[in-house]
Protein backbone atom coordinates (compact mmCIF):
# COMPACT_ATOMS: atom_id res chain seq x y z
CA UNK A 1 31.20 -106.61 -11.49
CA UNK A 2 32.73 -104.00 -9.19
CA UNK A 3 35.66 -105.70 -7.09
CA UNK A 4 36.46 -104.63 -3.81
CA UNK A 5 39.52 -105.77 -1.50
CA UNK A 6 38.64 -105.09 2.30
CA UNK A 7 41.64 -105.23 4.13
CA UNK A 8 41.25 -106.43 7.94
CA UNK A 9 44.15 -106.31 10.70
CA UNK A 10 41.44 -108.85 12.56
CA UNK A 11 41.41 -111.86 12.12
CA UNK A 12 37.93 -113.87 10.32
CA UNK A 13 38.57 -116.71 12.50
CA UNK A 14 38.35 -114.01 15.63
CA UNK A 15 34.46 -113.59 16.77
CA UNK A 16 34.61 -110.38 14.94
CA UNK A 17 35.29 -111.71 11.42
CA UNK A 18 32.01 -113.60 10.54
CA UNK A 19 29.69 -110.66 13.32
CA UNK A 20 30.69 -107.95 11.97
CA UNK A 21 32.63 -108.55 8.60
CA UNK A 22 31.18 -111.20 6.72
CA UNK A 23 27.86 -110.50 6.93
CA UNK A 24 28.30 -106.87 5.92
CA UNK A 25 30.38 -108.25 2.63
CA UNK A 26 28.02 -111.54 1.89
CA UNK A 27 24.97 -108.57 2.01
CA UNK A 28 26.90 -105.82 -0.56
CA UNK A 29 27.90 -108.96 -2.98
CA UNK A 30 24.06 -109.71 -3.84
CA UNK A 31 24.16 -106.51 -5.61
CA UNK A 32 27.38 -106.89 -7.71
CA UNK A 33 30.17 -106.43 -5.64
CA UNK A 34 32.51 -109.08 -5.21
CA UNK A 35 35.00 -109.16 -2.80
CA UNK A 36 38.58 -110.12 -1.53
CA UNK A 37 38.98 -110.15 2.53
CA UNK A 38 42.70 -109.78 3.16
CA UNK A 39 43.12 -110.30 7.27
CA UNK A 40 45.41 -111.14 9.51
CA UNK A 41 44.68 -114.56 12.01
CA UNK A 42 45.83 -115.65 14.97
CA UNK A 43 47.78 -119.49 14.38
CA UNK A 44 45.74 -120.89 16.94
CA UNK A 45 42.02 -119.21 15.83
CA UNK A 46 42.90 -119.80 12.21
CA UNK A 47 43.43 -124.14 13.34
CA UNK A 48 40.04 -123.71 14.92
CA UNK A 49 37.77 -121.75 12.21
CA UNK A 50 38.95 -121.80 9.43
CA UNK A 51 36.25 -124.55 8.75
CA UNK A 52 33.64 -122.77 9.68
CA UNK A 53 34.72 -119.45 8.08
CA UNK A 54 34.91 -121.41 4.47
CA UNK A 55 31.59 -122.21 5.46
CA UNK A 56 29.82 -119.12 5.36
CA UNK A 57 31.60 -117.64 2.38
CA UNK A 58 30.85 -120.89 0.43
CA UNK A 59 29.05 -119.92 -2.87
CA UNK A 60 29.30 -116.50 -2.23
CA UNK A 61 31.38 -113.64 -4.64
CA UNK A 62 33.42 -113.56 -1.15
CA UNK A 63 36.96 -114.57 -1.36
CA UNK A 64 39.32 -114.96 1.93
CA UNK A 65 43.45 -114.34 1.87
CA UNK A 66 44.41 -114.82 5.54
CA UNK A 67 48.12 -114.29 6.40
CA UNK A 68 49.72 -115.04 9.62
CA UNK A 69 49.25 -112.78 12.73
CA UNK A 70 52.36 -111.58 14.71
CA UNK A 71 51.90 -110.19 17.61
CA UNK A 72 55.81 -110.21 19.16
CA UNK A 73 58.48 -108.56 19.10
CA UNK A 74 56.29 -105.32 20.15
CA UNK A 75 56.59 -102.69 17.37
CA UNK A 76 58.54 -104.67 14.72
CA UNK A 77 55.74 -107.36 14.23
CA UNK A 78 53.46 -105.21 13.77
CA UNK A 79 55.81 -103.66 10.86
CA UNK A 80 56.20 -106.53 9.98
CA UNK A 81 52.91 -107.60 9.63
CA UNK A 82 52.13 -104.46 7.26
CA UNK A 83 54.88 -105.06 5.16
CA UNK A 84 52.86 -108.08 4.56
CA UNK A 85 49.70 -106.96 3.94
CA UNK A 86 50.90 -104.20 1.10
CA UNK A 87 52.87 -106.86 -0.64
CA UNK A 88 50.16 -109.58 -0.67
CA UNK A 89 47.73 -106.33 -1.63
CA UNK A 90 49.82 -105.58 -4.75
CA UNK A 91 50.01 -109.23 -6.13
CA UNK A 92 46.04 -109.58 -5.26
CA UNK A 93 45.47 -106.18 -7.03
CA UNK A 94 47.51 -107.19 -9.80
CA UNK A 95 45.32 -110.28 -10.93
CA UNK A 96 42.23 -108.64 -9.51
CA UNK A 97 42.55 -104.81 -10.55
CA UNK A 98 40.00 -103.77 -7.33
CA UNK A 99 37.88 -100.91 -8.16
CA UNK A 100 38.40 -100.15 -4.04
CA UNK A 101 39.72 -100.95 -0.82
CA UNK A 102 37.55 -100.82 2.23
CA UNK A 103 39.70 -100.43 5.14
CA UNK A 104 39.28 -100.84 9.27
CA UNK A 105 41.32 -98.14 10.91
CA UNK A 106 44.93 -98.58 11.82
CA UNK A 107 47.50 -100.64 9.76
CA UNK A 108 44.81 -101.54 7.03
CA UNK A 109 44.53 -97.92 5.79
CA UNK A 110 48.55 -97.56 5.70
CA UNK A 111 47.27 -99.70 2.73
CA UNK A 112 44.32 -98.23 1.47
CA UNK A 113 46.36 -95.14 1.37
CA UNK A 114 49.36 -96.50 -0.63
CA UNK A 115 47.15 -97.92 -3.01
CA UNK A 116 45.03 -95.29 -3.18
CA UNK A 117 48.06 -93.32 -4.27
CA UNK A 118 49.96 -95.86 -6.59
CA UNK A 119 47.02 -97.12 -8.43
CA UNK A 120 43.93 -94.96 -7.92
CA UNK A 121 42.21 -97.65 -6.21
CA UNK A 122 39.39 -95.64 -4.37
CA UNK A 123 39.47 -95.75 -0.70
CA UNK A 124 36.19 -96.01 1.78
CA UNK A 125 37.73 -95.10 5.38
CA UNK A 126 35.68 -97.33 7.80
CA UNK A 127 36.41 -95.56 11.31
CA UNK A 128 35.56 -98.38 13.33
CA UNK A 129 37.49 -96.25 16.39
CA UNK A 130 40.17 -94.07 17.50
CA UNK A 131 42.98 -96.93 16.62
CA UNK A 132 45.84 -94.91 18.14
CA UNK A 133 43.75 -93.55 20.85
CA UNK A 134 42.71 -96.56 21.73
CA UNK A 135 46.19 -97.76 22.01
CA UNK A 136 46.78 -95.54 24.47
CA UNK A 137 43.78 -96.01 26.50
CA UNK A 138 44.11 -99.27 26.57
CA UNK A 139 47.60 -99.24 28.04
CA UNK A 140 49.16 -100.50 24.87
CA UNK A 141 51.34 -97.51 23.79
CA UNK A 142 53.22 -95.99 27.33
CA UNK A 143 53.35 -92.60 26.30
CA UNK A 144 55.88 -92.09 28.95
CA UNK A 145 58.69 -94.00 26.08
CA UNK A 146 59.92 -91.80 23.42
CA UNK A 147 59.29 -94.72 20.93
CA UNK A 148 55.34 -94.83 21.60
CA UNK A 149 54.55 -91.48 21.66
CA UNK A 150 56.29 -90.97 17.92
CA UNK A 151 54.26 -93.77 16.60
CA UNK A 152 51.06 -92.23 18.35
CA UNK A 153 52.15 -88.81 16.69
CA UNK A 154 52.76 -90.65 13.18
CA UNK A 155 49.11 -92.71 13.05
CA UNK A 156 47.12 -89.61 14.44
CA UNK A 157 48.66 -87.68 11.44
CA UNK A 158 47.82 -90.45 8.88
CA UNK A 159 44.52 -90.59 10.82
CA UNK A 160 43.66 -87.18 9.47
CA UNK A 161 45.14 -88.00 5.82
CA UNK A 162 42.83 -90.28 5.51
CA UNK A 163 39.82 -88.26 6.38
CA UNK A 164 41.68 -86.10 3.88
CA UNK A 165 42.07 -88.42 0.91
CA UNK A 166 39.21 -90.98 1.77
CA UNK A 167 36.54 -91.19 -1.19
CA UNK A 168 33.38 -92.35 1.67
CA UNK A 169 34.06 -92.06 5.54
CA UNK A 170 31.54 -94.15 7.92
CA UNK A 171 31.88 -94.38 11.57
CA UNK A 172 30.06 -96.37 14.18
CA UNK A 173 28.53 -93.56 16.48
CA UNK A 174 26.65 -90.30 16.39
CA UNK A 175 29.09 -89.15 18.63
CA UNK A 176 32.39 -90.15 16.94
CA UNK A 177 31.29 -88.32 13.90
CA UNK A 178 30.40 -84.97 16.35
CA UNK A 179 33.94 -85.18 17.66
CA UNK A 180 35.78 -85.31 13.70
CA UNK A 181 33.35 -82.98 12.85
CA UNK A 182 35.63 -80.40 15.65
CA UNK A 183 38.72 -81.61 14.11
CA UNK A 184 40.10 -78.33 12.82
CA UNK A 185 43.10 -79.39 11.65
CA UNK A 186 41.60 -80.99 8.76
CA UNK A 187 40.99 -79.87 5.19
CA UNK A 188 37.21 -79.87 3.82
CA UNK A 189 35.45 -79.98 7.07
CA UNK A 190 32.24 -80.45 7.30
CA UNK A 191 33.26 -83.88 6.05
CA UNK A 192 30.44 -86.45 4.90
CA UNK A 193 30.35 -89.12 7.43
CA UNK A 194 27.82 -91.89 7.06
CA UNK A 195 27.41 -93.22 10.72
CA UNK A 196 26.80 -97.20 10.70
CA UNK A 197 26.60 -99.16 13.76
CA UNK A 198 27.53 -102.57 14.77
CA UNK A 199 24.91 -104.77 13.62
CA UNK A 200 23.14 -107.90 14.69
CA UNK A 201 22.22 -110.43 12.98
CA UNK A 202 18.21 -110.51 13.51
CA UNK A 203 17.51 -113.85 12.29
CA UNK A 204 20.04 -115.39 14.29
CA UNK A 205 19.08 -113.19 17.42
CA UNK A 206 15.77 -114.39 17.78
CA UNK A 207 14.19 -115.23 20.62
CA UNK A 208 11.32 -116.56 18.74
CA UNK A 209 13.26 -119.03 17.26
CA UNK A 210 14.94 -120.44 19.53
CA UNK A 211 16.92 -123.95 19.13
CA UNK A 212 14.40 -125.50 22.30
CA UNK A 213 16.24 -128.78 22.28
CA UNK A 214 19.85 -127.23 22.32
CA UNK A 215 18.39 -124.73 24.80
CA UNK A 216 17.46 -128.14 27.16
CA UNK A 217 20.70 -129.51 26.45
CA UNK A 218 23.04 -126.14 27.95
CA UNK A 219 20.33 -126.03 30.63
CA UNK A 220 21.21 -129.16 31.63
CA UNK A 221 24.70 -128.91 30.91
CA UNK A 222 25.10 -125.76 32.74
CA UNK A 223 22.56 -126.83 35.84
CA UNK A 224 20.15 -124.15 35.22
CA UNK A 225 16.90 -124.34 36.75
CA UNK A 226 13.51 -123.05 35.58
CA UNK A 227 12.52 -119.63 36.35
CA UNK A 228 16.17 -118.74 38.09
CA UNK A 229 17.67 -115.25 37.99
CA UNK A 230 20.23 -114.98 35.35
CA UNK A 231 22.69 -112.38 34.76
CA UNK A 232 24.68 -112.88 31.82
CA UNK A 233 27.69 -111.51 30.36
CA UNK A 234 28.67 -111.97 27.01
CA UNK A 235 32.11 -111.62 25.15
CA UNK A 236 35.58 -111.44 26.52
CA UNK A 237 36.84 -110.05 29.63
CA UNK A 238 39.97 -107.82 30.02
CA UNK A 239 40.93 -104.63 28.00
CA UNK A 240 38.35 -102.20 27.51
CA UNK A 241 36.03 -104.56 29.24
CA UNK A 242 36.26 -104.21 33.31
CA UNK A 243 35.90 -107.74 34.98
CA UNK A 244 36.01 -106.38 38.52
CA UNK A 245 33.91 -103.70 38.25
CA UNK A 246 31.46 -105.71 36.75
CA UNK A 247 31.95 -108.46 39.46
CA UNK A 248 31.52 -106.08 42.32
CA UNK A 249 28.44 -105.23 40.82
CA UNK A 250 27.62 -108.67 40.63
CA UNK A 251 28.40 -109.63 44.25
CA UNK A 252 25.59 -106.43 45.18
CA UNK A 253 23.54 -108.09 42.90
CA UNK A 254 24.10 -111.85 45.07
CA UNK A 255 23.64 -110.04 48.42
CA UNK A 256 20.18 -108.66 47.07
CA UNK A 257 19.15 -111.71 45.20
CA UNK A 258 20.20 -114.56 47.35
CA UNK A 259 18.92 -117.08 44.38
CA UNK A 260 21.10 -114.93 41.51
CA UNK A 261 23.46 -116.43 39.25
CA UNK A 262 26.10 -115.01 37.08
CA UNK A 263 26.86 -116.57 33.37
CA UNK A 264 29.54 -115.76 31.60
CA UNK A 265 29.82 -116.48 27.66
CA UNK A 266 33.26 -115.97 26.94
CA UNK A 267 35.54 -117.53 24.64
CA UNK A 268 38.32 -117.74 26.97
CA UNK A 269 40.30 -116.87 30.15
CA UNK A 270 37.61 -118.64 32.44
CA UNK A 271 39.89 -119.28 35.02
CA UNK A 272 40.68 -115.51 35.53
CA UNK A 273 36.58 -115.13 35.28
CA UNK A 274 36.79 -117.31 38.12
CA UNK A 275 39.39 -115.68 40.42
CA UNK A 276 37.73 -112.09 39.46
CA UNK A 277 34.65 -113.65 40.96
CA UNK A 278 36.05 -115.25 44.08
CA UNK A 279 38.22 -111.99 44.62
CA UNK A 280 34.50 -110.21 44.57
CA UNK A 281 33.38 -112.64 47.43
CA UNK A 282 30.92 -114.06 44.62
CA UNK A 283 30.30 -118.01 46.40
CA UNK A 284 31.67 -120.73 43.25
CA UNK A 285 28.43 -122.22 42.78
CA UNK A 286 27.48 -118.79 41.63
CA UNK A 287 29.35 -118.67 38.58
CA UNK A 288 29.20 -120.29 35.09
CA UNK A 289 31.31 -120.15 32.49
CA UNK A 290 30.79 -121.15 29.16
CA UNK A 291 32.82 -120.71 26.15
CA UNK A 292 30.25 -121.01 22.72
CA UNK A 293 29.79 -121.39 19.35
CA UNK A 294 28.01 -118.48 17.64
CA UNK A 295 25.19 -120.29 16.78
CA UNK A 296 24.70 -121.33 20.47
CA UNK A 297 24.76 -117.53 21.90
CA UNK A 298 21.38 -117.05 21.13
CA UNK A 299 19.96 -119.95 23.51
CA UNK A 300 22.73 -119.03 25.89
CA UNK A 301 21.26 -115.40 26.28
CA UNK A 302 18.01 -116.68 26.14
CA UNK A 303 18.28 -117.81 29.94
CA UNK A 304 18.90 -113.85 30.73
CA UNK A 305 17.32 -111.83 33.10
CA UNK A 306 19.32 -108.98 32.41
CA UNK A 307 22.92 -108.59 30.46
CA UNK A 308 25.50 -106.92 32.13
CA UNK A 309 28.42 -105.01 30.29
CA UNK A 310 31.00 -102.29 31.91
CA UNK A 311 33.49 -100.77 29.57
CA UNK A 312 36.19 -98.01 30.03
CA UNK A 313 34.63 -94.89 29.88
CA UNK A 314 37.83 -93.27 28.26
CA UNK A 315 38.41 -90.60 25.02
CA UNK A 316 38.30 -93.78 22.14
CA UNK A 317 35.34 -95.50 23.29
CA UNK A 318 32.99 -92.64 22.31
CA UNK A 319 33.62 -94.55 18.86
CA UNK A 320 32.46 -98.00 19.88
CA UNK A 321 29.38 -99.15 19.27
CA UNK A 322 29.75 -102.73 21.07
CA UNK A 323 28.45 -105.21 19.25
CA UNK A 324 27.27 -107.29 22.21
CA UNK A 325 24.68 -104.33 22.66
CA UNK A 326 22.79 -104.85 19.61
CA UNK A 327 23.03 -108.83 20.59
CA UNK A 328 21.60 -108.55 23.41
CA UNK A 329 18.82 -105.88 22.25
CA UNK A 330 17.75 -107.86 19.80
CA UNK A 331 16.88 -110.75 22.17
CA UNK A 332 14.92 -108.27 24.64
CA UNK A 333 16.82 -108.47 27.32
CA UNK A 334 17.46 -105.25 29.27
CA UNK A 335 21.18 -104.42 29.95
CA UNK A 336 23.26 -102.94 32.80
CA UNK A 337 25.65 -100.80 31.42
CA UNK A 338 27.96 -97.63 31.92
CA UNK A 339 27.17 -93.97 30.34
CA UNK A 340 30.45 -92.81 28.04
CA UNK A 341 30.71 -95.18 25.73
CA UNK A 342 29.70 -94.22 21.88
CA UNK A 343 25.63 -94.05 21.79
CA UNK A 344 25.09 -96.82 24.35
CA UNK A 345 23.49 -94.75 26.80
CA UNK A 346 21.22 -92.59 24.15
CA UNK A 347 20.18 -95.71 22.69
CA UNK A 348 19.13 -97.17 26.07
CA UNK A 349 17.14 -94.30 27.43
CA UNK A 350 15.85 -93.96 24.07
CA UNK A 351 14.37 -97.45 24.38
CA UNK A 352 13.94 -98.05 27.73
CA UNK A 353 16.07 -101.07 27.55
CA UNK A 354 17.99 -101.38 30.55
CA UNK A 355 20.01 -99.49 33.45
CA UNK A 356 22.75 -97.05 32.76
CA UNK A 357 25.13 -96.09 35.77
CA UNK A 358 26.41 -92.89 34.99
CA UNK A 359 30.02 -93.57 36.69
CA UNK A 360 31.66 -96.70 38.66
CA UNK A 361 30.71 -96.06 42.21
CA UNK A 362 29.58 -97.89 44.82
CA UNK A 363 26.99 -95.43 44.91
CA UNK A 364 25.57 -95.49 41.24
CA UNK A 365 26.24 -99.54 41.75
CA UNK A 366 23.55 -99.73 44.82
CA UNK A 367 21.21 -97.35 42.85
CA UNK A 368 20.95 -99.63 40.07
CA UNK A 369 20.96 -102.75 42.35
CA UNK A 370 17.67 -100.66 44.01
CA UNK A 371 15.70 -100.27 41.03
CA UNK A 372 15.91 -103.73 40.28
CA UNK A 373 14.79 -104.91 43.84
CA UNK A 374 12.37 -101.93 43.21
CA UNK A 375 10.59 -103.93 40.59
CA UNK A 376 11.50 -101.91 37.34
CA UNK A 377 10.01 -103.83 34.97
CA UNK A 378 11.05 -103.92 31.15
CA UNK A 379 9.23 -105.12 27.91
CA UNK A 380 10.97 -107.45 25.55
CA UNK A 381 8.99 -106.62 22.26
CA UNK A 382 9.89 -103.29 22.44
CA UNK A 383 13.84 -103.46 23.44
CA UNK A 384 14.15 -106.04 20.33
CA UNK A 385 12.36 -103.16 18.03
CA UNK A 386 14.84 -100.86 19.18
CA UNK A 387 17.09 -103.47 17.93
CA UNK A 388 15.50 -103.38 14.64
CA UNK A 389 15.35 -99.88 14.28
CA UNK A 390 19.41 -99.07 15.52
CA UNK A 391 21.51 -102.75 14.99
CA UNK A 392 19.50 -103.80 11.90
CA UNK A 393 22.11 -105.83 9.20
CA UNK A 394 19.89 -105.14 6.66
CA UNK A 395 19.69 -101.36 7.04
CA UNK A 396 23.56 -101.69 7.42
CA UNK A 397 24.18 -103.25 4.27
CA UNK A 398 21.62 -100.97 2.93
CA UNK A 399 23.85 -97.71 3.96
CA UNK A 400 26.76 -99.31 3.03
CA UNK A 401 25.20 -100.48 -0.39
CA UNK A 402 24.22 -96.90 -0.62
CA UNK A 403 27.66 -95.36 -0.04
CA UNK A 404 29.57 -97.67 -2.19
CA UNK A 405 27.43 -97.02 -5.40
CA UNK A 406 28.07 -93.30 -4.10
CA UNK A 407 31.95 -93.95 -4.49
CA UNK A 408 31.73 -96.53 -7.69
CA UNK A 409 29.05 -95.88 -9.92
CA UNK A 410 29.15 -92.95 -12.95
C-alpha cells in the first residue's frame, strides 16, 4: 500500500478540512493509498471540532496529525510553524517511509520540496491558489514594506521551482492553467497540469434528500415563513468576500422586493454582518444569521430563492474555485455573483445557473435586480446537473487517482 503525506497549513478543524481535504483523501484511500494528514490547527477550532474530524476519519486509511497554528507575531510565527511542520514531517517519514508528499501551496510546499530533495519522495503540487499573490491582493503583505517585498520575491521564486520540480501538478481553474502555461520563466513548458475544481459532496448537497424534520426545526428557529423570498449567503465574511458590496446589493433587492429577507449562513462575525446590513439601510428584521454545522447547511440553503456571493476580482482570484459555488449549484439554487473569479462566469453562463455582474457598479447591480424583477427563471434540475458535471467529488477523486497512479505506479 503506497503511503502519502498530505500537508496543509489550513487546519482540518476549519471548514476547508471536512469539505475540501478529507473527502478526497478518504475517496483515494479506497484505491490502495494510505494517508497521513499533517495540518496546523487553530486552538479554538481544534477544541471545538476535533471529535468531528476524528469521526470522519474513523475506519479509514487516513490518519491525522495536528500541530498548533500560530498567528502572532507576523512572519516569525509563520517561520516557526514551518519549522514545526518540517520537523514533524521528517519524524513521520522516518516511521512511515512515504512514497509521495501532496501539498497545498505556500508554506507546505517548502516542506514538500525539501523532502523531495533530501529523501527522494515524490511531490504532487496541488496549486489551490496563487499563494503569494493572494497575500498581496488580500492586504496581508504590504508591498510598500521592504520585508514583505522580499518575502513575496522569495515565494514567487519558490512557486516557479515547485512547478519545475513537481512530479505532478493540479490547479482549480482553466484560467489558472492558462496563466501558468504563459509563465516564460519556467523551464519545461508546456507543463502537464490537471484542472480539478473544488468539489462538492452531491449526496449531502441534494435537495431530494433534505432532512425535513431538521428543516422544519430550523424554519421555526429562524422565523422563516413558507414561500418567503430568501436571498442567502454561505460562508465566512471579510477578506475576499465583499460584505459591503453584497449589502449594497441586498438593499436594492429589499427596495425592489419588500418581502425579501437575507439569510447569512456564516461561522462567525455575526455582529459585523448586522453592522454592515444596518450601514446599508437594511432593517434588522430582514436579516437572519446562523452558525451551522455542515450537516445543517443543505437544509438552510434550501430556503433560498437565490444565493449571493461577491468576491474581490483581482489577479490571484483567477486561480480560485469557490467551494460555495458547487454547493449552491448542487442544491439547484441560482447564484448572483461577479465576474473575474476563476471560471465562475463561464460555468454560470454555460449552465444558465444564475446572474453574473460584469462589475460591482451601481448600474450593474440595478441591472441584475431588474432581471429578477422582470421574471428571469431558472431550472433547478438543470443547475444541479451542471454541478454534477463540474463539481462532482466522484469525478475529482478519479482525476486525482489517475494522477496518483501516473506518479506512483511502475
